[in-house]
Amino acid sequence: MTSILHDFSTVFDDFNDASILVTGGTGSFGQAFIAHVLKAYQPRRLIVYSRDELKQYEMQQVYSRDRYPSMRYFLGDMRDQARLEMAMENVDFVIHAAALKHVTLTEYNPFECVLTNIMGAQNLVLAALKSNVRQVVALSTDKAAAPINLYGATKLVSDKIFLAANNLSKKDECSFSVVRYGNVLNSRGSVIPFFNKLIGESADHLPITDARMTRFVISLQQGVDLIMTAFKHMRGGEIYVPKIPSMRIVDLATAMGPDLEQRVVGIRPGEKIHEILIPREDARRTVDVGNFYIIKPEFPYAEYALPDLLTGAELDDEFEYDSYTNNWYLGVSEIRAVLDQLRLAA
């Protein structure tokens, strides 16, 4: 079946015989990334760094060191710089996926969110610089663009920390970039598993927070592939933003439960009606390079040129990339086709 979604896949040969660390490695993205690397490359070490011992135990049943000798499992917290430094010893590449992400829970628990998402980012940068890591790519979110909730605000600060880290790194040493995308389809804690659970329990309705709500959507594999693209092309300081479709939450509910009532329950604390991936204020620094955009570095720490093999068109200063005015929407039948593809890929 031909995919409706863009293909961001690329080959990054430097992962062979390399030491790679993934923070938040037991999460949905981390597990998808680990699976991709083990299938496509032969790393020297592939390190899972996370604080959840149960998830690490469960992951080791799938990716044991007996079967995958490169696998390593480090229990540790983003708040512990010394532990990060220990985990990063002789590491070449870091993927930063660890974060507190639940919008409503982070609104209610702001101190914890700040400690993990902001102080954790600072700890990672300092550990990476001290450990002479080659490249760091941090995962971000559309909620970091023009944020209104605490999660988005902490991820905006985190993004700024990673981008500015290039000012602290010596030339041709450690470089830092960010990948920013929307809601990951079928990830843990997202709306699709939630709706599936309700449908499996024979619910008589699906709850809708607001009938106007739209979201950018991306598959886990697309997220993994975009990270690989960033590693291959990054010079440091860029934000990589994919071209991805939007969908209306009511269309998703119709696609998943066509015979179920949709009951509006109201917006939760911190939620937006629509999301933004590129604010208008960033348009002057953004170039269109085909299937994705690159927001160029704001600091003139180096004369910046587009990464090798990429050519880009400058955007109009009034350009804004948001889920409501996006010119690519998935209708009900397309959403069903994407959900079928996700089931086949599982």
C-alpha atoms as a PDB file:
ATOM      1  CA  MET A   1       0.000   0.000   0.000  1.00  0.00           C
ATOM      2  CA  THR A   2       1.374   3.419  -0.942  1.00  0.00           C
ATOM      3  CA  SER A   3       1.607   5.719   2.050  1.00  0.00           C
ATOM      4  CA  ILE A   4      -0.438   8.918   2.119  1.00  0.00           C
ATOM      5  CA  LEU A   5       2.241  10.538   4.290  1.00  0.00           C
ATOM      6  CA  HIS A   6       5.572  11.969   3.121  1.00  0.00           C
ATOM      7  CA  ASP A   7       8.658   9.768   3.185  1.00  0.00           C
ATOM      8  CA  PHE A   8      11.523  11.365   5.146  1.00  0.00           C
ATOM      9  CA  SER A   9      13.739   8.280   5.157  1.00  0.00           C
ATOM     10  CA  THR A  10      17.459   8.665   4.596  1.00  0.00           C
ATOM     11  CA  VAL A  11      20.666   6.743   5.257  1.00  0.00           C
ATOM     12  CA  PHE A  12      23.201   8.034   7.777  1.00  0.00           C
ATOM     13  CA  ASP A  13      26.214   5.745   7.518  1.00  0.00           C
ATOM     14  CA  ASP A  14      27.944   7.283  10.549  1.00  0.00           C
ATOM     15  CA  PHE A  15      25.686   5.240  12.846  1.00  0.00           C
ATOM     16  CA  ASN A  16      27.596   2.086  11.909  1.00  0.00           C
ATOM     17  CA  ASP A  17      30.188   1.256  14.593  1.00  0.00           C
ATOM     18  CA  ALA A  18      29.061   4.324  16.554  1.00  0.00           C
ATOM     19  CA  SER A  19      27.960   4.751  20.149  1.00  0.00           C
ATOM     20  CA  ILE A  20      24.428   6.189  20.328  1.00  0.00           C
ATOM     21  CA  LEU A  21      22.431   7.290  23.377  1.00  0.00           C
ATOM     22  CA  VAL A  22      18.669   7.856  23.461  1.00  0.00           C
ATOM     23  CA  THR A  23      17.180   9.737  26.413  1.00  0.00           C
ATOM     24  CA  GLY A  24      13.611   8.672  27.084  1.00  0.00           C
ATOM     25  CA  GLY A  25      14.553   5.511  25.220  1.00  0.00           C
ATOM     26  CA  THR A  26      11.674   3.456  26.634  1.00  0.00           C
ATOM     27  CA  GLY A  27       8.991   5.829  25.292  1.00  0.00           C
ATOM     28  CA  SER A  28       7.057   5.384  22.050  1.00  0.00           C
ATOM     29  CA  PHE A  29       9.585   7.289  19.986  1.00  0.00           C
ATOM     30  CA  GLY A  30      12.587   5.752  21.737  1.00  0.00           C
ATOM     31  CA  GLN A  31      11.418   2.207  21.095  1.00  0.00           C
ATOM     32  CA  ALA A  32      10.665   2.976  17.436  1.00  0.00           C
ATOM     33  CA  PHE A  33      14.089   4.582  17.040  1.00  0.00           C
ATOM     34  CA  ILE A  34      15.876   1.646  18.714  1.00  0.00           C
ATOM     35  CA  ALA A  35      14.057  -0.805  16.428  1.00  0.00           C
ATOM     36  CA  HIS A  36      15.015   1.225  13.345  1.00  0.00           C
ATOM     37  CA  VAL A  37      18.696   1.477  14.275  1.00  0.00           C
ATOM     38  CA  LEU A  38      19.008  -2.236  15.092  1.00  0.00           C
ATOM     39  CA  LYS A  39      17.412  -3.110  11.747  1.00  0.00           C
ATOM     40  CA  ALA A  40      19.324  -0.642   9.561  1.00  0.00           C
ATOM     41  CA  TYR A  41      22.726  -0.241  11.253  1.00  0.00           C
ATOM     42  CA  GLN A  42      25.396  -1.998  13.274  1.00  0.00           C
ATOM     43  CA  PRO A  43      26.125   0.371  16.162  1.00  0.00           C
ATOM     44  CA  ARG A  44      28.947  -0.328  18.601  1.00  0.00           C
ATOM     45  CA  ARG A  45      26.699   0.646  21.516  1.00  0.00           C
ATOM     46  CA  LEU A  46      23.034   1.628  21.598  1.00  0.00           C
ATOM     47  CA  ILE A  47      22.196   3.085  24.995  1.00  0.00           C
ATOM     48  CA  VAL A  48      18.710   3.470  26.475  1.00  0.00           C
ATOM     49  CA  TYR A  49      18.670   6.197  29.140  1.00  0.00           C
ATOM     50  CA  SER A  50      15.477   6.519  31.188  1.00  0.00           C
ATOM     51  CA  ARG A  51      14.234   6.509  34.774  1.00  0.00           C
ATOM     52  CA  ASP A  52      11.461   3.895  34.513  1.00  0.00           C
ATOM     53  CA  GLU A  53      12.869   0.535  35.591  1.00  0.00           C
ATOM     54  CA  LEU A  54       9.717  -1.407  34.658  1.00  0.00           C
ATOM     55  CA  LYS A  55       9.759  -0.116  31.077  1.00  0.00           C
ATOM     56  CA  GLN A  56      13.473  -0.895  30.843  1.00  0.00           C
ATOM     57  CA  TYR A  57      12.843  -4.414  32.126  1.00  0.00           C
ATOM     58  CA  GLU A  58      10.070  -4.912  29.558  1.00  0.00           C
ATOM     59  CA  MET A  59      12.228  -3.502  26.781  1.00  0.00           C
ATOM     60  CA  GLN A  60      15.060  -5.874  27.669  1.00  0.00           C
ATOM     61  CA  GLN A  61      12.719  -8.802  27.043  1.00  0.00           C
ATOM     62  CA  VAL A  62      12.456  -7.616  23.428  1.00  0.00           C
ATOM     63  CA  TYR A  63      15.969  -6.233  22.906  1.00  0.00           C
ATOM     64  CA  SER A  64      18.140  -8.396  25.135  1.00  0.00           C
ATOM     65  CA  ARG A  65      21.922  -8.131  25.082  1.00  0.00           C
ATOM     66  CA  ASP A  66      22.124 -11.828  24.230  1.00  0.00           C
ATOM     67  CA  ARG A  67      20.380 -11.157  20.952  1.00  0.00           C
ATOM     68  CA  TYR A  68      21.576  -7.569  20.455  1.00  0.00           C
ATOM     69  CA  PRO A  69      25.085  -7.237  21.953  1.00  0.00           C
ATOM     70  CA  SER A  70      25.212  -3.485  21.297  1.00  0.00           C
ATOM     71  CA  MET A  71      22.301  -2.753  23.666  1.00  0.00           C
ATOM     72  CA  ARG A  72      22.946  -0.991  26.975  1.00  0.00           C
ATOM     73  CA  TYR A  73      20.392   0.080  29.599  1.00  0.00           C
ATOM     74  CA  PHE A  74      21.110   3.033  31.893  1.00  0.00           C
ATOM     75  CA  LEU A  75      18.699   3.936  34.670  1.00  0.00           C
ATOM     76  CA  GLY A  76      18.982   7.674  35.176  1.00  0.00           C
ATOM     77  CA  ASP A  77      17.139  10.962  35.393  1.00  0.00           C
ATOM     78  CA  MET A  78      17.527  14.038  33.227  1.00  0.00           C
ATOM     79  CA  ARG A  79      17.922  15.989  36.469  1.00  0.00           C
ATOM     80  CA  ASP A  80      21.169  14.157  37.290  1.00  0.00           C
ATOM     81  CA  GLN A  81      24.037  15.694  35.315  1.00  0.00           C
ATOM     82  CA  ALA A  82      26.653  13.390  36.824  1.00  0.00           C
ATOM     83  CA  ARG A  83      24.674  10.322  35.743  1.00  0.00           C
ATOM     84  CA  LEU A  84      24.270  11.781  32.240  1.00  0.00           C
ATOM     85  CA  GLU A  85      28.019  12.329  32.024  1.00  0.00           C
ATOM     86  CA  MET A  86      28.619   8.730  33.042  1.00  0.00           C
ATOM     87  CA  ALA A  87      26.130   7.446  30.454  1.00  0.00           C
ATOM     88  CA  MET A  88      27.668   9.635  27.722  1.00  0.00           C
ATOM     89  CA  GLU A  89      31.221   8.427  28.134  1.00  0.00           C
ATOM     90  CA  ASN A  90      32.601   7.767  24.618  1.00  0.00           C
ATOM     91  CA  VAL A  91      29.173   8.445  23.046  1.00  0.00           C
ATOM     92  CA  ASP A  92      29.123   9.832  19.495  1.00  0.00           C
ATOM     93  CA  PHE A  93      25.455  10.714  18.974  1.00  0.00           C
ATOM     94  CA  VAL A  94      22.620  11.682  21.336  1.00  0.00           C
ATOM     95  CA  ILE A  95      18.887  11.737  20.627  1.00  0.00           C
ATOM     96  CA  HIS A  96      16.998  13.636  23.318  1.00  0.00           C
ATOM     97  CA  ALA A  97      13.430  12.383  23.588  1.00  0.00           C
ATOM     98  CA  ALA A  98      12.926  12.478  27.370  1.00  0.00           C
ATOM     99  CA  ALA A  99      10.348  14.981  28.619  1.00  0.00           C
ATOM    100  CA  LEU A 100       7.247  15.403  30.712  1.00  0.00           C
ATOM    101  CA  LYS A 101       4.680  15.802  27.943  1.00  0.00           C
ATOM    102  CA  HIS A 102       1.114  15.561  29.242  1.00  0.00           C
ATOM    103  CA  VAL A 103      -0.354  19.043  28.844  1.00  0.00           C
ATOM    104  CA  THR A 104      -2.881  18.944  31.688  1.00  0.00           C
ATOM    105  CA  LEU A 105      -0.600  17.152  34.156  1.00  0.00           C
ATOM    106  CA  THR A 106       2.232  19.588  33.522  1.00  0.00           C
ATOM    107  CA  GLU A 107      -0.152  22.513  34.043  1.00  0.00           C
ATOM    108  CA  TYR A 108      -0.945  21.072  37.474  1.00  0.00           C
ATOM    109  CA  ASN A 109       2.679  20.139  38.302  1.00  0.00           C
ATOM    110  CA  PRO A 110       4.792  22.992  36.916  1.00  0.00           C
ATOM    111  CA  PHE A 111       7.845  22.532  39.178  1.00  0.00           C
ATOM    112  CA  GLU A 112       8.336  18.952  38.004  1.00  0.00           C
ATOM    113  CA  CYS A 113       7.943  19.940  34.352  1.00  0.00           C
ATOM    114  CA  VAL A 114      10.527  22.723  34.654  1.00  0.00           C
ATOM    115  CA  LEU A 115      13.039  20.448  36.396  1.00  0.00           C
ATOM    116  CA  THR A 116      12.816  17.733  33.733  1.00  0.00           C
ATOM    117  CA  ASN A 117      12.249  19.703  30.539  1.00  0.00           C
ATOM    118  CA  ILE A 118      14.397  22.785  31.182  1.00  0.00           C
ATOM    119  CA  MET A 119      17.000  21.805  33.763  1.00  0.00           C
ATOM    120  CA  GLY A 120      17.218  18.396  32.100  1.00  0.00           C
ATOM    121  CA  ALA A 121      18.034  20.045  28.770  1.00  0.00           C
ATOM    122  CA  GLN A 122      20.755  22.131  30.414  1.00  0.00           C
ATOM    123  CA  ASN A 123      22.195  19.046  32.103  1.00  0.00           C
ATOM    124  CA  LEU A 124      22.275  17.181  28.814  1.00  0.00           C
ATOM    125  CA  VAL A 125      24.021  20.034  26.991  1.00  0.00           C
ATOM    126  CA  LEU A 126      26.695  20.337  29.694  1.00  0.00           C
ATOM    127  CA  ALA A 127      27.217  16.564  29.759  1.00  0.00           C
ATOM    128  CA  ALA A 128      27.451  16.373  25.969  1.00  0.00           C
ATOM    129  CA  LEU A 129      30.015  19.186  25.836  1.00  0.00           C
ATOM    130  CA  LYS A 130      32.072  17.620  28.612  1.00  0.00           C
ATOM    131  CA  SER A 131      31.917  14.181  26.970  1.00  0.00           C
ATOM    132  CA  ASN A 132      32.853  15.448  23.474  1.00  0.00           C
ATOM    133  CA  VAL A 133      29.716  14.060  21.848  1.00  0.00           C
ATOM    134  CA  ARG A 134      29.710  14.668  18.076  1.00  0.00           C
ATOM    135  CA  GLN A 135      26.043  15.498  17.426  1.00  0.00           C
ATOM    136  CA  VAL A 136      22.902  16.009  19.499  1.00  0.00           C
ATOM    137  CA  VAL A 137      19.380  16.147  18.079  1.00  0.00           C
ATOM    138  CA  ALA A 138      16.553  17.122  20.450  1.00  0.00           C
ATOM    139  CA  LEU A 139      12.899  16.338  19.820  1.00  0.00           C
ATOM    140  CA  SER A 140      10.521  19.265  20.111  1.00  0.00           C
ATOM    141  CA  THR A 141       6.809  19.825  19.571  1.00  0.00           C
ATOM    142  CA  ASP A 142       4.412  22.171  17.830  1.00  0.00           C
ATOM    143  CA  LYS A 143       3.363  23.234  21.330  1.00  0.00           C
ATOM    144  CA  ALA A 144       6.736  25.001  21.671  1.00  0.00           C
ATOM    145  CA  ALA A 145       5.786  27.436  18.883  1.00  0.00           C
ATOM    146  CA  ALA A 146       3.799  30.362  20.328  1.00  0.00           C
ATOM    147  CA  PRO A 147       3.124  28.355  23.504  1.00  0.00           C
ATOM    148  CA  ILE A 148       0.163  28.919  25.814  1.00  0.00           C
ATOM    149  CA  ASN A 149       0.691  25.924  28.116  1.00  0.00           C
ATOM    150  CA  LEU A 150       3.523  25.090  30.482  1.00  0.00           C
ATOM    151  CA  TYR A 151       4.641  22.034  28.525  1.00  0.00           C
ATOM    152  CA  GLY A 152       5.016  24.119  25.367  1.00  0.00           C
ATOM    153  CA  ALA A 153       6.760  26.917  27.260  1.00  0.00           C
ATOM    154  CA  THR A 154       9.294  24.514  28.784  1.00  0.00           C
ATOM    155  CA  LYS A 155       9.955  22.945  25.391  1.00  0.00           C
ATOM    156  CA  LEU A 156      10.497  26.390  23.892  1.00  0.00           C
ATOM    157  CA  VAL A 157      13.111  27.080  26.570  1.00  0.00           C
ATOM    158  CA  SER A 158      14.598  23.628  25.976  1.00  0.00           C
ATOM    159  CA  ASP A 159      14.849  24.353  22.234  1.00  0.00           C
ATOM    160  CA  LYS A 160      16.590  27.657  22.938  1.00  0.00           C
ATOM    161  CA  ILE A 161      19.061  25.885  25.238  1.00  0.00           C
ATOM    162  CA  PHE A 162      19.971  23.326  22.574  1.00  0.00           C
ATOM    163  CA  LEU A 163      20.290  25.867  19.784  1.00  0.00           C
ATOM    164  CA  ALA A 164      22.397  28.257  21.889  1.00  0.00           C
ATOM    165  CA  ALA A 165      24.624  25.341  22.926  1.00  0.00           C
ATOM    166  CA  ASN A 166      26.319  25.727  19.550  1.00  0.00           C
ATOM    167  CA  ASN A 167      27.789  28.982  20.901  1.00  0.00           C
ATOM    168  CA  LEU A 168      29.523  26.993  23.652  1.00  0.00           C
ATOM    169  CA  SER A 169      30.885  24.272  21.412  1.00  0.00           C
ATOM    170  CA  LYS A 170      34.246  24.611  19.736  1.00  0.00           C
ATOM    171  CA  LYS A 171      34.291  24.735  15.946  1.00  0.00           C
ATOM    172  CA  ASP A 172      33.920  21.305  14.318  1.00  0.00           C
ATOM    173  CA  GLU A 173      33.169  19.661  17.654  1.00  0.00           C
ATOM    174  CA  CYS A 174      29.769  19.002  19.225  1.00  0.00           C
ATOM    175  CA  SER A 175      26.792  20.384  17.270  1.00  0.00           C
ATOM    176  CA  PHE A 176      23.161  20.644  18.386  1.00  0.00           C
ATOM    177  CA  SER A 177      19.937  20.827  16.361  1.00  0.00           C
ATOM    178  CA  VAL A 178      16.203  20.422  16.991  1.00  0.00           C
ATOM    179  CA  VAL A 179      13.435  18.513  15.210  1.00  0.00           C
ATOM    180  CA  ARG A 180       9.928  19.896  15.728  1.00  0.00           C
ATOM    181  CA  TYR A 181       6.744  18.081  14.729  1.00  0.00           C
ATOM    182  CA  GLY A 182       3.107  17.536  15.675  1.00  0.00           C
ATOM    183  CA  ASN A 183       1.040  14.823  17.348  1.00  0.00           C
ATOM    184  CA  VAL A 184       2.499  11.341  16.877  1.00  0.00           C
ATOM    185  CA  LEU A 185      -0.159   8.953  15.624  1.00  0.00           C
ATOM    186  CA  ASN A 186      -0.872   6.017  17.940  1.00  0.00           C
ATOM    187  CA  SER A 187       1.811   6.962  20.482  1.00  0.00           C
ATOM    188  CA  ARG A 188       1.286   6.072  24.137  1.00  0.00           C
ATOM    189  CA  GLY A 189      -1.116   8.475  25.850  1.00  0.00           C
ATOM    190  CA  SER A 190      -2.406   9.971  22.583  1.00  0.00           C
ATOM    191  CA  VAL A 191      -5.988  10.169  21.367  1.00  0.00           C
ATOM    192  CA  ILE A 192      -5.995   7.117  19.060  1.00  0.00           C
ATOM    193  CA  PRO A 193      -5.241   4.542  21.802  1.00  0.00           C
ATOM    194  CA  PHE A 194      -7.730   6.393  24.016  1.00  0.00           C
ATOM    195  CA  PHE A 195     -10.492   6.153  21.400  1.00  0.00           C
ATOM    196  CA  ASN A 196      -9.567   2.498  20.728  1.00  0.00           C
ATOM    197  CA  LYS A 197      -9.929   1.731  24.425  1.00  0.00           C
ATOM    198  CA  LEU A 198     -13.371   3.349  24.573  1.00  0.00           C
ATOM    199  CA  ILE A 199     -14.493   1.527  21.414  1.00  0.00           C
ATOM    200  CA  GLY A 200     -13.188  -1.769  22.827  1.00  0.00           C
ATOM    201  CA  GLU A 201     -15.208  -1.151  25.994  1.00  0.00           C
ATOM    202  CA  SER A 202     -18.376  -0.608  23.913  1.00  0.00           C
ATOM    203  CA  ALA A 203     -18.699   3.068  24.852  1.00  0.00           C
ATOM    204  CA  ASP A 204     -21.808   4.813  23.533  1.00  0.00           C
ATOM    205  CA  HIS A 205     -19.923   8.002  22.595  1.00  0.00           C
ATOM    206  CA  LEU A 206     -16.486   9.484  21.946  1.00  0.00           C
ATOM    207  CA  PRO A 207     -15.565  12.628  23.934  1.00  0.00           C
ATOM    208  CA  ILE A 208     -14.537  15.660  21.868  1.00  0.00           C
ATOM    209  CA  THR A 209     -12.961  18.602  23.667  1.00  0.00           C
ATOM    210  CA  ASP A 210     -13.898  21.104  20.934  1.00  0.00           C
ATOM    211  CA  ALA A 211     -15.439  20.398  17.527  1.00  0.00           C
ATOM    212  CA  ARG A 212     -13.201  23.039  15.890  1.00  0.00           C
ATOM    213  CA  MET A 213      -9.966  21.432  17.051  1.00  0.00           C
ATOM    214  CA  THR A 214      -7.266  20.609  14.496  1.00  0.00           C
ATOM    215  CA  ARG A 215      -3.886  18.943  14.914  1.00  0.00           C
ATOM    216  CA  PHE A 216      -0.761  18.256  12.882  1.00  0.00           C
ATOM    217  CA  VAL A 217      -0.129  14.514  12.680  1.00  0.00           C
ATOM    218  CA  ILE A 218       2.953  12.417  11.984  1.00  0.00           C
ATOM    219  CA  SER A 219       3.684   8.699  12.254  1.00  0.00           C
ATOM    220  CA  LEU A 220       6.337   7.291  14.578  1.00  0.00           C
ATOM    221  CA  GLN A 221       8.370   6.079  11.606  1.00  0.00           C
ATOM    222  CA  GLN A 222       8.248   9.531  10.025  1.00  0.00           C
ATOM    223  CA  GLY A 223       9.526  10.988  13.298  1.00  0.00           C
ATOM    224  CA  VAL A 224      12.405   8.510  13.326  1.00  0.00           C
ATOM    225  CA  ASP A 225      13.219   9.209   9.674  1.00  0.00           C
ATOM    226  CA  LEU A 226      13.213  12.959  10.248  1.00  0.00           C
ATOM    227  CA  ILE A 227      15.733  12.524  13.064  1.00  0.00           C
ATOM    228  CA  MET A 228      17.963  10.594  10.660  1.00  0.00           C
ATOM    229  CA  THR A 229      17.620  13.413   8.125  1.00  0.00           C
ATOM    230  CA  ALA A 230      18.666  15.943  10.761  1.00  0.00           C
ATOM    231  CA  PHE A 231      21.749  13.918  11.718  1.00  0.00           C
ATOM    232  CA  LYS A 232      22.743  13.579   8.078  1.00  0.00           C
ATOM    233  CA  HIS A 233      22.432  17.245   7.129  1.00  0.00           C
ATOM    234  CA  MET A 234      22.820  19.297  10.309  1.00  0.00           C
ATOM    235  CA  ARG A 235      25.492  21.933  10.730  1.00  0.00           C
ATOM    236  CA  GLY A 236      24.160  22.953  14.136  1.00  0.00           C
ATOM    237  CA  GLY A 237      21.528  25.438  15.259  1.00  0.00           C
ATOM    238  CA  GLU A 238      18.755  24.486  12.846  1.00  0.00           C
ATOM    239  CA  ILE A 239      15.185  23.498  13.607  1.00  0.00           C
ATOM    240  CA  TYR A 240      13.873  20.852  11.207  1.00  0.00           C
ATOM    241  CA  VAL A 241      10.100  21.049  10.604  1.00  0.00           C
ATOM    242  CA  PRO A 242       8.380  18.414   8.432  1.00  0.00           C
ATOM    243  CA  LYS A 243       5.567  19.058   5.991  1.00  0.00           C
ATOM    244  CA  ILE A 244       2.786  16.980   7.508  1.00  0.00           C
ATOM    245  CA  PRO A 245      -1.008  16.932   7.245  1.00  0.00           C
ATOM    246  CA  SER A 246      -3.592  18.287   9.625  1.00  0.00           C
ATOM    247  CA  MET A 247      -6.740  16.546  10.709  1.00  0.00           C
ATOM    248  CA  ARG A 248      -9.889  17.598  12.483  1.00  0.00           C
ATOM    249  CA  ILE A 249     -10.534  15.758  15.722  1.00  0.00           C
ATOM    250  CA  VAL A 250     -14.158  15.221  14.671  1.00  0.00           C
ATOM    251  CA  ASP A 251     -12.972  13.516  11.467  1.00  0.00           C
ATOM    252  CA  LEU A 252     -10.713  11.216  13.478  1.00  0.00           C
ATOM    253  CA  ALA A 253     -13.644  10.288  15.716  1.00  0.00           C
ATOM    254  CA  THR A 254     -15.815   9.637  12.650  1.00  0.00           C
ATOM    255  CA  ALA A 255     -13.115   7.474  11.065  1.00  0.00           C
ATOM    256  CA  MET A 256     -12.656   5.386  14.210  1.00  0.00           C
ATOM    257  CA  GLY A 257     -16.231   5.204  15.502  1.00  0.00           C
ATOM    258  CA  PRO A 258     -18.581   6.086  12.631  1.00  0.00           C
ATOM    259  CA  ASP A 259     -21.654   4.929  14.553  1.00  0.00           C
ATOM    260  CA  LEU A 260     -20.797   6.575  17.857  1.00  0.00           C
ATOM    261  CA  GLU A 261     -22.120   9.880  19.127  1.00  0.00           C
ATOM    262  CA  GLN A 262     -19.522  12.643  19.468  1.00  0.00           C
ATOM    263  CA  ARG A 263     -20.044  14.423  22.764  1.00  0.00           C
ATOM    264  CA  VAL A 264     -18.331  17.792  23.373  1.00  0.00           C
ATOM    265  CA  VAL A 265     -16.791  17.798  26.851  1.00  0.00           C
ATOM    266  CA  GLY A 266     -14.841  21.079  26.813  1.00  0.00           C
ATOM    267  CA  ILE A 267     -11.207  22.065  26.403  1.00  0.00           C
ATOM    268  CA  ARG A 268      -8.806  20.838  29.071  1.00  0.00           C
ATOM    269  CA  PRO A 269      -6.395  23.181  30.879  1.00  0.00           C
ATOM    270  CA  GLY A 270      -3.598  24.288  28.566  1.00  0.00           C
ATOM    271  CA  GLU A 271      -5.131  23.036  25.316  1.00  0.00           C
ATOM    272  CA  LYS A 272      -5.202  25.019  22.074  1.00  0.00           C
ATOM    273  CA  ILE A 273      -7.852  24.890  19.371  1.00  0.00           C
ATOM    274  CA  HIS A 274      -5.132  24.817  16.684  1.00  0.00           C
ATOM    275  CA  GLU A 275      -1.359  24.266  16.768  1.00  0.00           C
ATOM    276  CA  ILE A 276       1.559  26.101  15.111  1.00  0.00           C
ATOM    277  CA  LEU A 277       4.789  24.618  13.769  1.00  0.00           C
ATOM    278  CA  ILE A 278       6.353  27.790  12.350  1.00  0.00           C
ATOM    279  CA  PRO A 279       5.241  31.148  13.812  1.00  0.00           C
ATOM    280  CA  ARG A 280       5.163  34.170  11.528  1.00  0.00           C
ATOM    281  CA  GLU A 281       8.079  35.679  13.459  1.00  0.00           C
ATOM    282  CA  ASP A 282      10.319  32.788  12.338  1.00  0.00           C
ATOM    283  CA  ALA A 283       9.349  32.940   8.652  1.00  0.00           C
ATOM    284  CA  ARG A 284      12.193  35.323   7.753  1.00  0.00           C
ATOM    285  CA  ARG A 285      14.715  32.670   8.848  1.00  0.00           C
ATOM    286  CA  THR A 286      12.921  29.687   7.327  1.00  0.00           C
ATOM    287  CA  VAL A 287      13.626  27.955   4.020  1.00  0.00           C
ATOM    288  CA  ASP A 288      11.555  25.383   2.157  1.00  0.00           C
ATOM    289  CA  VAL A 289      13.728  22.380   1.232  1.00  0.00           C
ATOM    290  CA  GLY A 290      11.117  20.060  -0.237  1.00  0.00           C
ATOM    291  CA  ASN A 291       9.375  17.736   2.215  1.00  0.00           C
ATOM    292  CA  PHE A 292      10.422  19.836   5.190  1.00  0.00           C
ATOM    293  CA  TYR A 293      11.434  23.315   6.326  1.00  0.00           C
ATOM    294  CA  ILE A 294      14.613  24.445   8.035  1.00  0.00           C
ATOM    295  CA  ILE A 295      14.508  27.338  10.493  1.00  0.00           C
ATOM    296  CA  LYS A 296      18.032  28.706  10.303  1.00  0.00           C
ATOM    297  CA  PRO A 297      20.052  29.698  13.384  1.00  0.00           C
ATOM    298  CA  GLU A 298      19.245  33.032  14.967  1.00  0.00           C
ATOM    299  CA  PHE A 299      22.732  33.620  16.367  1.00  0.00           C
ATOM    300  CA  PRO A 300      25.449  34.543  13.851  1.00  0.00           C
ATOM    301  CA  TYR A 301      27.977  32.211  15.486  1.00  0.00           C
ATOM    302  CA  ALA A 302      29.029  31.133  12.007  1.00  0.00           C
ATOM    303  CA  GLU A 303      28.338  32.110   8.425  1.00  0.00           C
ATOM    304  CA  TYR A 304      25.397  29.807   7.859  1.00  0.00           C
ATOM    305  CA  ALA A 305      24.816  27.923   4.629  1.00  0.00           C
ATOM    306  CA  LEU A 306      22.213  25.271   3.966  1.00  0.00           C
ATOM    307  CA  PRO A 307      23.424  21.747   4.681  1.00  0.00           C
ATOM    308  CA  ASP A 308      25.037  19.872   1.829  1.00  0.00           C
ATOM    309  CA  LEU A 309      22.701  18.387  -0.789  1.00  0.00           C
ATOM    310  CA  LEU A 310      19.828  20.687   0.172  1.00  0.00           C
ATOM    311  CA  THR A 311      18.540  23.667  -1.768  1.00  0.00           C
ATOM    312  CA  GLY A 312      15.862  25.875  -0.321  1.00  0.00           C
ATOM    313  CA  ALA A 313      13.448  28.646  -1.199  1.00  0.00           C
ATOM    314  CA  GLU A 314      13.066  31.601   1.149  1.00  0.00           C
ATOM    315  CA  LEU A 315       9.595  32.088   2.602  1.00  0.00           C
ATOM    316  CA  ASP A 316       7.450  35.185   2.609  1.00  0.00           C
ATOM    317  CA  ASP A 317       7.773  37.161   5.847  1.00  0.00           C
ATOM    318  CA  GLU A 318       4.036  36.706   6.474  1.00  0.00           C
ATOM    319  CA  PHE A 319       4.201  32.915   6.202  1.00  0.00           C
ATOM    320  CA  GLU A 320       2.834  30.941   9.153  1.00  0.00           C
ATOM    321  CA  TYR A 321       2.532  27.166   9.357  1.00  0.00           C
ATOM    322  CA  ASP A 322      -0.430  26.247  11.535  1.00  0.00           C
ATOM    323  CA  SER A 323      -2.789  23.283  11.681  1.00  0.00           C
ATOM    324  CA  TYR A 324      -5.876  25.345  10.791  1.00  0.00           C
ATOM    325  CA  THR A 325      -4.652  27.100   7.620  1.00  0.00           C
ATOM    326  CA  ASN A 326      -2.507  24.148   6.518  1.00  0.00           C
ATOM    327  CA  ASN A 327      -3.357  23.303   2.899  1.00  0.00           C
ATOM    328  CA  TRP A 328      -3.012  19.554   3.543  1.00  0.00           C
ATOM    329  CA  TYR A 329      -5.858  17.937   5.477  1.00  0.00           C
ATOM    330  CA  LEU A 330      -6.643  14.260   5.905  1.00  0.00           C
ATOM    331  CA  GLY A 331     -10.320  13.507   5.318  1.00  0.00           C
ATOM    332  CA  VAL A 332     -12.196  10.645   6.969  1.00  0.00           C
ATOM    333  CA  SER A 333     -11.307   8.079   4.281  1.00  0.00           C
ATOM    334  CA  GLU A 334      -7.630   9.116   4.326  1.00  0.00           C
ATOM    335  CA  ILE A 335      -7.520   8.890   8.115  1.00  0.00           C
ATOM    336  CA  ARG A 336      -8.898   5.351   7.874  1.00  0.00           C
ATOM    337  CA  ALA A 337      -6.230   4.477   5.298  1.00  0.00           C
ATOM    338  CA  VAL A 338      -3.469   5.860   7.545  1.00  0.00           C
ATOM    339  CA  LEU A 339      -4.832   3.929  10.542  1.00  0.00           C
ATOM    340  CA  ASP A 340      -4.834   0.754   8.423  1.00  0.00           C
ATOM    341  CA  GLN A 341      -1.193   1.395   7.493  1.00  0.00           C
ATOM    342  CA  LEU A 342      -0.281   1.862  11.155  1.00  0.00           C
ATOM    343  CA  ARG A 343      -1.952  -1.447  12.035  1.00  0.00           C
ATOM    344  CA  LEU A 344      -0.095  -3.241   9.238  1.00  0.00           C
ATOM    345  CA  ALA A 345       3.212  -1.730  10.379  1.00  0.00           C
ATOM    346  CA  ALA A 346       2.689  -2.702  14.042  1.00  0.00           C
END
